[in-house]
Amino acid sequence: RVQLVESGGGLVQAGGSLRLSCAAFGYIDSSICMAWFRQAPGREGVAGIKDDGTITYADSVKGRFTISKDNAKNTLYLQMNSLKPEDTAIYYCAASFSCNRWLLLHASEYRYWGQGTQVTVSS
């Protein structure tokens, strides 16, 4: 079983930056796929990363957000720059030990989910 715990959300002005973290606990190996989703109110895949080096971003965040993973710390990150009010959402971390590299932004690929962290961007 894998437990995911997000942190780093908060209130920021438009144009500002935030870095989200997702710590993974339990049985973790390097094959794990991980991603960030957001919900406000519909759910959207934001960024995903696979052990083979595949990284995928939603068009809405390309050039502004960067996903990365520290395997030694079992932690996933999302660096969010140039934030916009439309980025306001609850952000969730997701993980799976088996995923299709072409479907990293599909929620159905993921078995484990965190509790979410609120990001609010004021105009």
Protein backbone atom coordinates (compact mmCIF):
# COMPACT_ATOMS: atom_id res chain seq x y z
CA ARG A 1 0.00 0.00 0.00
CA VAL A 2 1.20 3.54 -0.79
CA GLN A 3 0.25 6.69 1.11
CA LEU A 4 0.67 10.10 -0.51
CA VAL A 5 0.84 13.34 1.45
CA GLU A 6 0.78 16.69 -0.36
CA SER A 7 2.01 20.00 1.00
CA GLY A 8 2.94 23.46 -0.23
CA GLY A 9 -0.41 24.89 -1.24
CA GLY A 10 -1.54 28.35 -0.26
CA LEU A 11 -2.64 31.79 -1.40
CA VAL A 12 -0.54 33.66 -3.93
CA GLN A 13 -1.02 36.66 -6.18
CA ALA A 14 -1.22 36.28 -9.94
CA GLY A 15 2.25 36.06 -11.41
CA GLY A 16 3.65 34.46 -8.29
CA SER A 17 5.08 31.00 -7.66
CA LEU A 18 4.44 28.00 -5.45
CA ARG A 19 6.10 24.61 -5.11
CA LEU A 20 3.97 21.62 -4.21
CA SER A 21 5.46 18.50 -2.67
CA CYS A 22 4.09 14.97 -2.46
CA ALA A 23 5.78 12.56 -0.09
CA ALA A 24 5.19 8.87 -0.78
CA PHE A 25 5.17 6.32 2.04
CA GLY A 26 5.04 2.56 1.90
CA TYR A 27 6.49 0.24 -0.70
CA ILE A 28 8.08 2.47 -3.32
CA ASP A 29 10.35 1.53 -6.17
CA SER A 30 11.75 3.42 -9.12
CA SER A 31 9.10 2.03 -11.49
CA ILE A 32 6.39 4.13 -9.91
CA CYS A 33 4.52 6.59 -12.12
CA MET A 34 3.36 9.80 -10.49
CA ALA A 35 1.29 12.79 -11.50
CA TRP A 36 -0.44 15.94 -10.36
CA PHE A 37 -4.13 16.53 -10.95
CA ARG A 38 -6.31 19.46 -10.00
CA GLN A 39 -10.01 19.84 -9.40
CA ALA A 40 -12.02 23.05 -9.70
CA PRO A 41 -14.66 21.72 -10.12
CA GLY A 42 -13.82 19.26 -12.92
CA ARG A 43 -10.64 17.16 -12.59
CA GLU A 44 -7.74 17.90 -14.91
CA GLY A 45 -4.42 16.13 -15.30
CA VAL A 46 -1.68 18.73 -14.88
CA ALA A 47 1.64 16.90 -15.19
CA GLY A 48 2.86 13.31 -15.09
CA ILE A 49 6.21 11.57 -14.88
CA LYS A 50 7.21 7.97 -15.57
CA ASP A 51 10.35 6.02 -14.65
CA ASP A 52 11.45 5.85 -18.32
CA GLY A 53 11.85 9.63 -18.34
CA THR A 54 8.54 10.44 -19.97
CA ILE A 55 7.10 13.75 -18.78
CA THR A 56 3.76 15.12 -19.92
CA TYR A 57 2.10 18.46 -19.24
CA ALA A 58 -1.37 19.78 -19.86
CA ASP A 59 -1.36 22.48 -22.52
CA SER A 60 -2.71 24.95 -19.96
CA VAL A 61 0.47 24.74 -17.85
CA LYS A 62 3.24 24.14 -20.39
CA GLY A 63 6.11 26.56 -19.95
CA ARG A 64 4.90 27.56 -16.47
CA PHE A 65 4.87 24.36 -14.40
CA THR A 66 7.68 21.83 -13.90
CA ILE A 67 7.25 18.33 -12.48
CA SER A 68 10.18 16.51 -10.90
CA LYS A 69 10.81 13.53 -8.66
CA ASP A 70 13.48 12.86 -6.06
CA ASN A 71 13.77 9.06 -5.93
CA ALA A 72 16.02 9.14 -2.87
CA LYS A 73 13.38 11.04 -0.91
CA ASN A 74 10.35 9.36 -2.53
CA THR A 75 8.99 12.83 -3.17
CA LEU A 76 7.26 14.37 -6.16
CA TYR A 77 7.35 18.10 -6.80
CA LEU A 78 5.42 20.60 -8.89
CA GLN A 79 7.06 23.97 -9.37
CA MET A 80 4.39 26.44 -10.45
CA ASN A 81 5.46 29.78 -11.88
CA SER A 82 3.54 32.66 -13.47
CA LEU A 83 0.41 31.54 -11.68
CA LYS A 84 -2.96 32.68 -12.98
CA PRO A 85 -6.34 32.92 -11.22
CA GLU A 86 -7.53 30.01 -13.37
CA ASP A 87 -4.90 27.81 -11.70
CA THR A 88 -6.94 28.01 -8.50
CA ALA A 89 -7.90 24.46 -7.53
CA ILE A 90 -7.31 21.61 -5.13
CA TYR A 91 -4.16 19.85 -6.34
CA TYR A 92 -3.85 16.10 -5.89
CA CYS A 93 -0.87 13.80 -6.17
CA ALA A 94 -1.42 10.37 -7.73
CA ALA A 95 0.74 7.27 -8.14
CA SER A 96 0.72 3.87 -9.76
CA PHE A 97 3.17 1.03 -10.32
CA SER A 98 1.91 0.46 -13.84
CA CYS A 99 0.92 3.14 -16.29
CA ASN A 100 0.83 3.82 -20.00
CA ARG A 101 3.33 6.51 -20.97
CA TRP A 102 0.73 7.95 -23.36
CA LEU A 103 -1.92 8.22 -20.63
CA LEU A 104 -0.03 9.93 -17.81
CA LEU A 105 -2.72 12.61 -17.47
CA HIS A 106 -5.58 10.13 -17.28
CA ALA A 107 -6.91 9.66 -13.75
CA SER A 108 -7.85 6.05 -14.49
CA GLU A 109 -4.13 5.16 -14.71
CA TYR A 110 -3.58 5.82 -11.01
CA ARG A 111 -4.38 3.68 -8.00
CA TYR A 112 -3.14 5.82 -5.13
CA TRP A 113 -4.23 9.38 -4.36
CA GLY A 114 -3.32 12.01 -1.80
CA GLN A 115 -5.77 14.11 0.18
CA GLY A 116 -5.14 17.27 -1.84
CA THR A 117 -3.77 20.72 -1.14
CA GLN A 118 -5.55 23.99 -1.95
CA VAL A 119 -3.94 26.50 -4.28
CA THR A 120 -5.62 29.89 -4.58
CA VAL A 121 -4.37 32.55 -7.00
CA SER A 122 -5.75 36.04 -6.51
CA SER A 123 -6.02 38.56 -9.34
